C-alpha atoms as a PDB file:
ATOM      1  CA  MET A   1       0.000   0.000   0.000  1.00  0.00           C
ATOM      2  CA  LYS A   2       1.332   3.429  -0.980  1.00  0.00           C
ATOM      3  CA  LEU A   3       1.569   6.125   1.678  1.00  0.00           C
ATOM      4  CA  GLN A   4      -0.849   8.394  -0.200  1.00  0.00           C
ATOM      5  CA  ALA A   5      -3.473   5.635  -0.140  1.00  0.00           C
ATOM      6  CA  LEU A   6      -3.120   4.877   3.570  1.00  0.00           C
ATOM      7  CA  PRO A   7      -6.591   5.189   5.203  1.00  0.00           C
ATOM      8  CA  PRO A   8      -7.190   5.901   8.912  1.00  0.00           C
ATOM      9  CA  ARG A   9      -8.983   2.555   9.268  1.00  0.00           C
ATOM     10  CA  ALA A  10      -5.785   0.724   8.295  1.00  0.00           C
ATOM     11  CA  ILE A  11      -3.919   2.461  11.118  1.00  0.00           C
ATOM     12  CA  LYS A  12      -6.694   1.632  13.570  1.00  0.00           C
ATOM     13  CA  GLY A  13      -6.525  -1.991  12.448  1.00  0.00           C
ATOM     14  CA  PHE A  14      -2.766  -1.932  12.983  1.00  0.00           C
ATOM     15  CA  TYR A  15      -3.308  -0.712  16.564  1.00  0.00           C
ATOM     16  CA  ALA A  16      -5.880  -3.443  17.152  1.00  0.00           C
ATOM     17  CA  GLU A  17      -3.380  -6.119  16.131  1.00  0.00           C
ATOM     18  CA  LEU A  18      -0.671  -4.603  18.342  1.00  0.00           C
ATOM     19  CA  ARG A  19      -2.992  -4.624  21.373  1.00  0.00           C
ATOM     20  CA  LYS A  20      -3.280  -8.412  21.063  1.00  0.00           C
ATOM     21  CA  LYS A  21       0.456  -8.868  21.674  1.00  0.00           C
ATOM     22  CA  TYR A  22       1.797  -5.741  23.364  1.00  0.00           C
ATOM     23  CA  SER A  23       1.090  -3.537  26.359  1.00  0.00           C
ATOM     24  CA  LYS A  24      -0.999  -0.367  26.319  1.00  0.00           C
ATOM     25  CA  ASP A  25       2.093   1.787  26.856  1.00  0.00           C
ATOM     26  CA  TYR A  26       3.849   0.134  23.922  1.00  0.00           C
ATOM     27  CA  VAL A  27       0.918   0.881  21.595  1.00  0.00           C
ATOM     28  CA  LYS A  28       0.920   4.483  22.831  1.00  0.00           C
ATOM     29  CA  ASN A  29       4.591   4.680  21.944  1.00  0.00           C
ATOM     30  CA  ILE A  30       3.889   3.405  18.429  1.00  0.00           C
ATOM     31  CA  HIS A  31       1.040   5.908  18.075  1.00  0.00           C
ATOM     32  CA  GLY A  32       3.285   8.815  19.041  1.00  0.00           C
ATOM     33  CA  VAL A  33       5.995   7.920  16.540  1.00  0.00           C
ATOM     34  CA  LEU A  34       3.523   7.314  13.714  1.00  0.00           C
ATOM     35  CA  LYS A  35       1.623  10.521  14.410  1.00  0.00           C
ATOM     36  CA  ARG A  36       4.807  12.588  14.305  1.00  0.00           C
ATOM     37  CA  ALA A  37       6.087  10.922  11.119  1.00  0.00           C
ATOM     38  CA  LEU A  38       2.823  11.255   9.168  1.00  0.00           C
ATOM     39  CA  ARG A  39       2.312  14.808  10.333  1.00  0.00           C
ATOM     40  CA  LEU A  40       5.732  15.724   8.919  1.00  0.00           C
ATOM     41  CA  ALA A  41       4.788  13.954   5.694  1.00  0.00           C
ATOM     42  CA  TYR A  42       1.792  16.307   5.489  1.00  0.00           C
ATOM     43  CA  THR A  43       3.213  19.612   6.746  1.00  0.00           C
ATOM     44  CA  GLU A  44       6.797  19.518   5.446  1.00  0.00           C
ATOM     45  CA  SER A  45       7.309  16.868   2.786  1.00  0.00           C
ATOM     46  CA  GLY A  46       3.997  17.261   0.994  1.00  0.00           C
ATOM     47  CA  LEU A  47       3.688  13.494   0.626  1.00  0.00           C
ATOM     48  CA  LEU A  48       0.183  13.557   2.088  1.00  0.00           C
ATOM     49  CA  ALA A  49      -2.715  15.767   1.077  1.00  0.00           C
ATOM     50  CA  GLU A  50      -4.141  15.766   4.606  1.00  0.00           C
ATOM     51  CA  ASP A  51      -3.182  15.014   8.203  1.00  0.00           C
ATOM     52  CA  ILE A  52      -4.720  11.537   8.384  1.00  0.00           C
ATOM     53  CA  MET A  53      -3.646  11.089  12.004  1.00  0.00           C
ATOM     54  CA  SER A  54      -6.156  13.756  13.010  1.00  0.00           C
ATOM     55  CA  LYS A  55      -8.754  11.102  12.236  1.00  0.00           C
ATOM     56  CA  VAL A  56      -7.079   8.455  14.378  1.00  0.00           C
ATOM     57  CA  SER A  57      -7.584   8.592  18.135  1.00  0.00           C
ATOM     58  CA  MET A  58      -6.475   6.441  21.032  1.00  0.00           C
ATOM     59  CA  ARG A  59      -8.672   5.524  23.987  1.00  0.00           C
ATOM     60  CA  SER A  60      -5.893   6.852  26.178  1.00  0.00           C
ATOM     61  CA  LYS A  61      -4.296   9.957  24.731  1.00  0.00           C
ATOM     62  CA  VAL A  62      -0.530  10.148  24.429  1.00  0.00           C
ATOM     63  CA  ASN A  63       0.887  12.652  26.901  1.00  0.00           C
ATOM     64  CA  ALA A  64       1.430  15.879  24.927  1.00  0.00           C
ATOM     65  CA  ASN A  65       4.723  16.739  26.612  1.00  0.00           C
ATOM     66  CA  GLU A  66       6.110  13.236  26.106  1.00  0.00           C
ATOM     67  CA  GLN A  67       5.144  13.317  22.430  1.00  0.00           C
ATOM     68  CA  LYS A  68       6.754  16.715  21.963  1.00  0.00           C
ATOM     69  CA  GLU A  69      10.043  15.498  23.442  1.00  0.00           C
ATOM     70  CA  MET A  70      10.032  12.175  21.591  1.00  0.00           C
ATOM     71  CA  GLN A  71      13.138  11.581  19.496  1.00  0.00           C
ATOM     72  CA  PHE A  72      14.670   8.620  17.787  1.00  0.00           C
ATOM     73  CA  TRP A  73      17.618   7.620  15.621  1.00  0.00           C
ATOM     74  CA  THR A  74      17.537   6.828  11.942  1.00  0.00           C
ATOM     75  CA  ILE A  75      18.831   3.437  10.834  1.00  0.00           C
ATOM     76  CA  GLU A  76      22.086   5.089   9.809  1.00  0.00           C
ATOM     77  CA  GLU A  77      22.503   6.768  13.204  1.00  0.00           C
ATOM     78  CA  PHE A  78      21.695   3.617  15.133  1.00  0.00           C
ATOM     79  CA  THR A  79      24.092   1.562  13.017  1.00  0.00           C
ATOM     80  CA  GLN A  80      26.833   4.123  13.532  1.00  0.00           C
ATOM     81  CA  PHE A  81      26.231   4.176  17.294  1.00  0.00           C
ATOM     82  CA  LEU A  82      26.319   0.405  17.696  1.00  0.00           C
ATOM     83  CA  GLN A  83      29.401   0.035  15.525  1.00  0.00           C
ATOM     84  CA  SER A  84      31.161   2.632  17.639  1.00  0.00           C
ATOM     85  CA  SER A  85      30.119   1.025  20.945  1.00  0.00           C
ATOM     86  CA  LYS A  86      30.486  -2.640  19.932  1.00  0.00           C
ATOM     87  CA  HIS A  87      33.266  -3.398  22.411  1.00  0.00           C
ATOM     88  CA  HIS A  88      31.924  -1.285  25.268  1.00  0.00           C
ATOM     89  CA  VAL A  89      31.043  -3.067  28.513  1.00  0.00           C
ATOM     90  CA  HIS A  90      27.404  -1.917  28.208  1.00  0.00           C
ATOM     91  CA  TYR A  91      26.968  -2.694  24.500  1.00  0.00           C
ATOM     92  CA  ILE A  92      24.421  -5.461  25.073  1.00  0.00           C
ATOM     93  CA  ALA A  93      22.166  -3.030  26.995  1.00  0.00           C
ATOM     94  CA  PHE A  94      22.045  -0.631  24.038  1.00  0.00           C
ATOM     95  CA  SER A  95      21.487  -3.470  21.589  1.00  0.00           C
ATOM     96  CA  LEU A  96      18.590  -4.824  23.656  1.00  0.00           C
ATOM     97  CA  ALA A  97      17.030  -1.359  23.937  1.00  0.00           C
ATOM     98  CA  VAL A  98      16.630  -0.886  20.194  1.00  0.00           C
ATOM     99  CA  TYR A  99      16.125  -4.462  19.051  1.00  0.00           C
ATOM    100  CA  THR A 100      13.454  -5.218  21.693  1.00  0.00           C
ATOM    101  CA  GLY A 101      12.079  -1.860  22.895  1.00  0.00           C
ATOM    102  CA  MET A 102      12.646  -2.905  26.534  1.00  0.00           C
ATOM    103  CA  ARG A 103      12.945  -0.327  29.303  1.00  0.00           C
ATOM    104  CA  ARG A 104      16.227   0.265  31.113  1.00  0.00           C
ATOM    105  CA  GLY A 105      15.148  -1.410  34.352  1.00  0.00           C
ATOM    106  CA  GLU A 106      13.837  -4.422  32.413  1.00  0.00           C
ATOM    107  CA  ILE A 107      17.137  -4.771  30.565  1.00  0.00           C
ATOM    108  CA  LEU A 108      19.201  -4.551  33.745  1.00  0.00           C
ATOM    109  CA  GLY A 109      17.015  -7.208  35.364  1.00  0.00           C
ATOM    110  CA  LEU A 110      17.038  -9.609  32.408  1.00  0.00           C
ATOM    111  CA  ARG A 111      18.346 -13.097  33.236  1.00  0.00           C
ATOM    112  CA  TRP A 112      19.472 -15.882  30.938  1.00  0.00           C
ATOM    113  CA  LYS A 113      16.694 -18.132  32.198  1.00  0.00           C
ATOM    114  CA  ASP A 114      14.165 -15.560  30.951  1.00  0.00           C
ATOM    115  CA  ILE A 115      15.314 -16.102  27.345  1.00  0.00           C
ATOM    116  CA  ASP A 116      14.004 -18.895  25.109  1.00  0.00           C
ATOM    117  CA  PHE A 117      16.320 -19.129  22.102  1.00  0.00           C
ATOM    118  CA  GLU A 118      14.274 -21.921  20.546  1.00  0.00           C
ATOM    119  CA  LYS A 119      11.102 -19.810  20.448  1.00  0.00           C
ATOM    120  CA  LYS A 120      13.123 -16.655  19.763  1.00  0.00           C
ATOM    121  CA  GLU A 121      11.517 -14.733  22.600  1.00  0.00           C
ATOM    122  CA  LEU A 122      12.172 -13.525  26.113  1.00  0.00           C
ATOM    123  CA  LYS A 123       9.967 -12.851  29.109  1.00  0.00           C
ATOM    124  CA  VAL A 124      10.096  -9.595  31.045  1.00  0.00           C
ATOM    125  CA  ILE A 125       9.840 -11.036  34.545  1.00  0.00           C
ATOM    126  CA  GLN A 126      11.724  -8.562  36.698  1.00  0.00           C
ATOM    127  CA  THR A 127      13.151  -5.047  36.702  1.00  0.00           C
ATOM    128  CA  ALA A 128      16.267  -3.819  38.487  1.00  0.00           C
ATOM    129  CA  ASN A 129      16.313  -0.269  39.833  1.00  0.00           C
ATOM    130  CA  TRP A 130      18.322   1.633  42.409  1.00  0.00           C
ATOM    131  CA  THR A 131      16.945   3.858  45.171  1.00  0.00           C
ATOM    132  CA  ARG A 132      18.546   5.637  48.101  1.00  0.00           C
ATOM    133  CA  ASP A 133      18.202   2.386  50.010  1.00  0.00           C
ATOM    134  CA  GLY A 134      20.028   0.418  47.324  1.00  0.00           C
ATOM    135  CA  LEU A 135      19.038  -2.160  44.725  1.00  0.00           C
ATOM    136  CA  VAL A 136      15.330  -2.911  44.285  1.00  0.00           C
ATOM    137  CA  ILE A 137      14.173  -5.942  42.277  1.00  0.00           C
ATOM    138  CA  GLN A 138      10.541  -5.770  41.236  1.00  0.00           C
ATOM    139  CA  ARG A 139       8.506  -8.624  39.834  1.00  0.00           C
ATOM    140  CA  PRO A 140       4.948  -8.670  38.440  1.00  0.00           C
ATOM    141  CA  LYS A 141       2.167  -9.419  40.887  1.00  0.00           C
ATOM    142  CA  THR A 142       0.581 -12.003  38.577  1.00  0.00           C
ATOM    143  CA  ASN A 143       1.708 -14.197  35.687  1.00  0.00           C
ATOM    144  CA  ASP A 144      -0.660 -12.260  33.425  1.00  0.00           C
ATOM    145  CA  SER A 145       1.586  -9.231  33.894  1.00  0.00           C
ATOM    146  CA  ILE A 146       4.603 -10.992  32.392  1.00  0.00           C
ATOM    147  CA  ARG A 147       5.361  -9.581  28.936  1.00  0.00           C
ATOM    148  CA  ARG A 148       6.780 -11.652  26.082  1.00  0.00           C
ATOM    149  CA  VAL A 149       9.118 -10.022  23.582  1.00  0.00           C
ATOM    150  CA  LYS A 150       9.948 -11.524  20.188  1.00  0.00           C
ATOM    151  CA  LEU A 151      13.622 -11.513  19.233  1.00  0.00           C
ATOM    152  CA  PHE A 152      15.140 -10.539  15.893  1.00  0.00           C
ATOM    153  CA  GLN A 153      18.051 -12.680  14.701  1.00  0.00           C
ATOM    154  CA  ASN A 154      20.300  -9.637  15.220  1.00  0.00           C
ATOM    155  CA  ILE A 155      19.776  -9.573  18.971  1.00  0.00           C
ATOM    156  CA  ILE A 156      19.932 -13.366  19.213  1.00  0.00           C
ATOM    157  CA  ASP A 157      23.419 -13.215  17.706  1.00  0.00           C
ATOM    158  CA  ASP A 158      24.420 -10.449  20.134  1.00  0.00           C
ATOM    159  CA  LEU A 159      23.041 -12.410  23.088  1.00  0.00           C
ATOM    160  CA  GLN A 160      24.907 -15.556  22.107  1.00  0.00           C
ATOM    161  CA  GLU A 161      28.135 -13.592  21.833  1.00  0.00           C
ATOM    162  CA  ARG A 162      27.384 -11.988  25.192  1.00  0.00           C
ATOM    163  CA  TYR A 163      26.901 -15.414  26.794  1.00  0.00           C
ATOM    164  CA  LEU A 164      30.379 -16.419  25.699  1.00  0.00           C
ATOM    165  CA  GLN A 165      31.738 -13.254  27.280  1.00  0.00           C
ATOM    166  CA  ILE A 166      29.948 -14.095  30.530  1.00  0.00           C
ATOM    167  CA  GLU A 167      31.439 -17.578  30.500  1.00  0.00           C
ATOM    168  CA  ALA A 168      34.900 -16.054  30.141  1.00  0.00           C
ATOM    169  CA  TYR A 169      34.203 -13.690  33.054  1.00  0.00           C
ATOM    170  CA  ARG A 170      33.122 -16.630  35.222  1.00  0.00           C
ATOM    171  CA  LYS A 171      36.417 -18.376  34.580  1.00  0.00           C
ATOM    172  CA  GLU A 172      38.406 -15.198  35.161  1.00  0.00           C
ATOM    173  CA  TYR A 173      36.711 -14.275  38.463  1.00  0.00           C
ATOM    174  CA  SER A 174      36.239 -17.861  39.589  1.00  0.00           C
ATOM    175  CA  GLU A 175      34.663 -17.981  43.082  1.00  0.00           C
ATOM    176  CA  ALA A 176      34.510 -14.173  43.250  1.00  0.00           C
ATOM    177  CA  TYR A 177      31.977 -14.055  40.411  1.00  0.00           C
ATOM    178  CA  GLU A 178      28.460 -13.055  41.542  1.00  0.00           C
ATOM    179  CA  GLU A 179      26.023 -15.651  40.204  1.00  0.00           C
ATOM    180  CA  ASN A 180      22.969 -13.503  39.474  1.00  0.00           C
ATOM    181  CA  ASP A 181      22.316 -15.098  36.038  1.00  0.00           C
ATOM    182  CA  LEU A 182      22.293 -11.573  34.551  1.00  0.00           C
ATOM    183  CA  VAL A 183      22.640 -10.741  30.866  1.00  0.00           C
ATOM    184  CA  CYS A 184      23.709  -7.155  31.596  1.00  0.00           C
ATOM    185  CA  CYS A 185      26.204  -7.036  34.407  1.00  0.00           C
ATOM    186  CA  TYR A 186      29.680  -5.926  35.351  1.00  0.00           C
ATOM    187  CA  PRO A 187      32.513  -8.354  34.541  1.00  0.00           C
ATOM    188  CA  GLY A 188      32.248  -9.609  38.115  1.00  0.00           C
ATOM    189  CA  GLY A 189      28.550 -10.446  37.672  1.00  0.00           C
ATOM    190  CA  GLY A 190      27.107  -7.610  39.771  1.00  0.00           C
ATOM    191  CA  TYR A 191      24.033  -5.529  38.965  1.00  0.00           C
ATOM    192  CA  ILE A 192      24.688  -2.368  36.936  1.00  0.00           C
ATOM    193  CA  LYS A 193      23.473   0.964  38.274  1.00  0.00           C
ATOM    194  CA  PRO A 194      21.201   2.768  35.757  1.00  0.00           C
ATOM    195  CA  LYS A 195      23.300   5.919  36.100  1.00  0.00           C
ATOM    196  CA  GLN A 196      26.284   4.071  34.643  1.00  0.00           C
ATOM    197  CA  ILE A 197      24.254   3.165  31.555  1.00  0.00           C
ATOM    198  CA  THR A 198      23.117   6.764  31.051  1.00  0.00           C
ATOM    199  CA  GLU A 199      26.586   8.236  31.502  1.00  0.00           C
ATOM    200  CA  GLY A 200      28.136   5.585  29.289  1.00  0.00           C
ATOM    201  CA  MET A 201      25.634   6.298  26.533  1.00  0.00           C
ATOM    202  CA  ASP A 202      26.381  10.035  26.633  1.00  0.00           C
ATOM    203  CA  VAL A 203      30.086   9.350  26.096  1.00  0.00           C
ATOM    204  CA  LEU A 204      29.433   6.870  23.289  1.00  0.00           C
ATOM    205  CA  VAL A 205      27.010   9.237  21.525  1.00  0.00           C
ATOM    206  CA  ARG A 206      29.728  11.880  21.339  1.00  0.00           C
ATOM    207  CA  LYS A 207      32.235   9.289  20.145  1.00  0.00           C
ATOM    208  CA  ALA A 208      29.888   8.055  17.407  1.00  0.00           C
ATOM    209  CA  GLY A 209      28.995  11.581  16.289  1.00  0.00           C
ATOM    210  CA  VAL A 210      25.232  11.017  16.297  1.00  0.00           C
ATOM    211  CA  LYS A 211      22.544  13.239  17.767  1.00  0.00           C
ATOM    212  CA  LYS A 212      21.998  12.965  21.499  1.00  0.00           C
ATOM    213  CA  ILE A 213      18.881  11.113  22.624  1.00  0.00           C
ATOM    214  CA  ARG A 214      17.850   9.651  25.957  1.00  0.00           C
ATOM    215  CA  PHE A 215      18.200   5.946  26.698  1.00  0.00           C
ATOM    216  CA  HIS A 216      14.395   5.774  26.802  1.00  0.00           C
ATOM    217  CA  ASP A 217      14.273   7.208  23.268  1.00  0.00           C
ATOM    218  CA  GLN A 218      15.784   3.998  21.952  1.00  0.00           C
ATOM    219  CA  ARG A 219      12.307   2.541  22.484  1.00  0.00           C
ATOM    220  CA  HIS A 220      11.043   5.092  19.981  1.00  0.00           C
ATOM    221  CA  THR A 221      13.815   4.076  17.600  1.00  0.00           C
ATOM    222  CA  HIS A 222      12.656   0.460  17.914  1.00  0.00           C
ATOM    223  CA  ALA A 223       9.064   1.506  17.216  1.00  0.00           C
ATOM    224  CA  SER A 224      10.035   3.579  14.173  1.00  0.00           C
ATOM    225  CA  PHE A 225      11.852   0.592  12.649  1.00  0.00           C
ATOM    226  CA  LEU A 226       8.805  -1.610  13.137  1.00  0.00           C
ATOM    227  CA  LEU A 227       6.543   0.982  11.543  1.00  0.00           C
ATOM    228  CA  ALA A 228       8.832   1.453   8.570  1.00  0.00           C
ATOM    229  CA  ASN A 229       9.161  -2.337   8.251  1.00  0.00           C
ATOM    230  CA  SER A 230      12.883  -1.717   7.877  1.00  0.00           C
ATOM    231  CA  PRO A 231      15.414  -4.519   8.240  1.00  0.00           C
ATOM    232  CA  LEU A 232      17.334  -3.899  11.423  1.00  0.00           C
ATOM    233  CA  PRO A 233      21.056  -3.493  10.764  1.00  0.00           C
ATOM    234  CA  HIS A 234      23.412  -6.247  11.827  1.00  0.00           C
ATOM    235  CA  ILE A 235      26.534  -5.071  13.589  1.00  0.00           C
ATOM    236  CA  ARG A 236      29.535  -7.255  12.919  1.00  0.00           C
ATOM    237  CA  SER A 237      32.496  -7.502  15.225  1.00  0.00           C
ATOM    238  CA  ASN A 238      36.069  -7.788  14.027  1.00  0.00           C
ATOM    239  CA  GLU A 239      37.198  -8.729  17.508  1.00  0.00           C
ATOM    240  CA  PRO A 240      38.292 -12.358  17.967  1.00  0.00           C
ATOM    241  CA  THR A 241      35.636 -14.324  19.828  1.00  0.00           C
ATOM    242  CA  TYR A 242      35.778 -17.310  22.108  1.00  0.00           C
ATOM    243  CA  SER A 243      34.991 -20.810  20.943  1.00  0.00           C
ATOM    244  CA  LYS A 244      31.376 -20.420  19.899  1.00  0.00           C
ATOM    245  CA  THR A 245      28.697 -22.963  20.710  1.00  0.00           C
ATOM    246  CA  PRO A 246      25.122 -22.331  19.496  1.00  0.00           C
ATOM    247  CA  LEU A 247      22.730 -21.625  22.364  1.00  0.00           C
ATOM    248  CA  LEU A 248      19.522 -23.483  21.670  1.00  0.00           C
ATOM    249  CA  GLY A 249      16.539 -24.561  23.668  1.00  0.00           C
ATOM    250  CA  LYS A 250      14.836 -22.889  26.591  1.00  0.00           C
ATOM    251  CA  GLY A 251      17.281 -20.608  28.252  1.00  0.00           C
ATOM    252  CA  VAL A 252      20.978 -21.371  28.392  1.00  0.00           C
END
């Protein structure tokens, strides 16, 4: 379907399908990105004869301030950022953010046992956040609150490479390694403070020479790729890897 022939009912149908698989907040995020993109197509590019999103409403309106501040990377910017940060200690956190749309606390709480490589999906079972009193692990009150996230092959490859890194860390630290089963952790296995992710991203953004966005905005980048139906870029590493064994089955 050409953009000029896109009817409001098609967008509403798209939202209806998303609601079957994703959370309300996720659909709101998609709505915000799509509304901004199609409005620009009408007001600046002249690709649309009317603002079709004015005819599409959500039951719960997107917060106006959040929508105004929403930013995301283009495919070129995201590719450049990941290539530049490939060997950074927090690389897997950035890769997960864009390839899955997960929140920072969800990423920092992700465990290997939450990932099913055979089904190519993961479950968001816990979040890791820090308060003045220290680390706080939060889990859903019911099983119905557990969210499932489908995995692109790109992030599966990154996760498998990350697992090999973790195995090397376990051998290096031996008995001193903290067995938290975490995907995103310090070399010694400990939980990462969110502030370290934010500060690390700021440094890497400057290094990569891309526009500055918030960590949360990588969720918008993920949504924009889904909407554009664009193939997500695969970031290759030239760094020698450890002996690689495919990770299959439920968890690792």
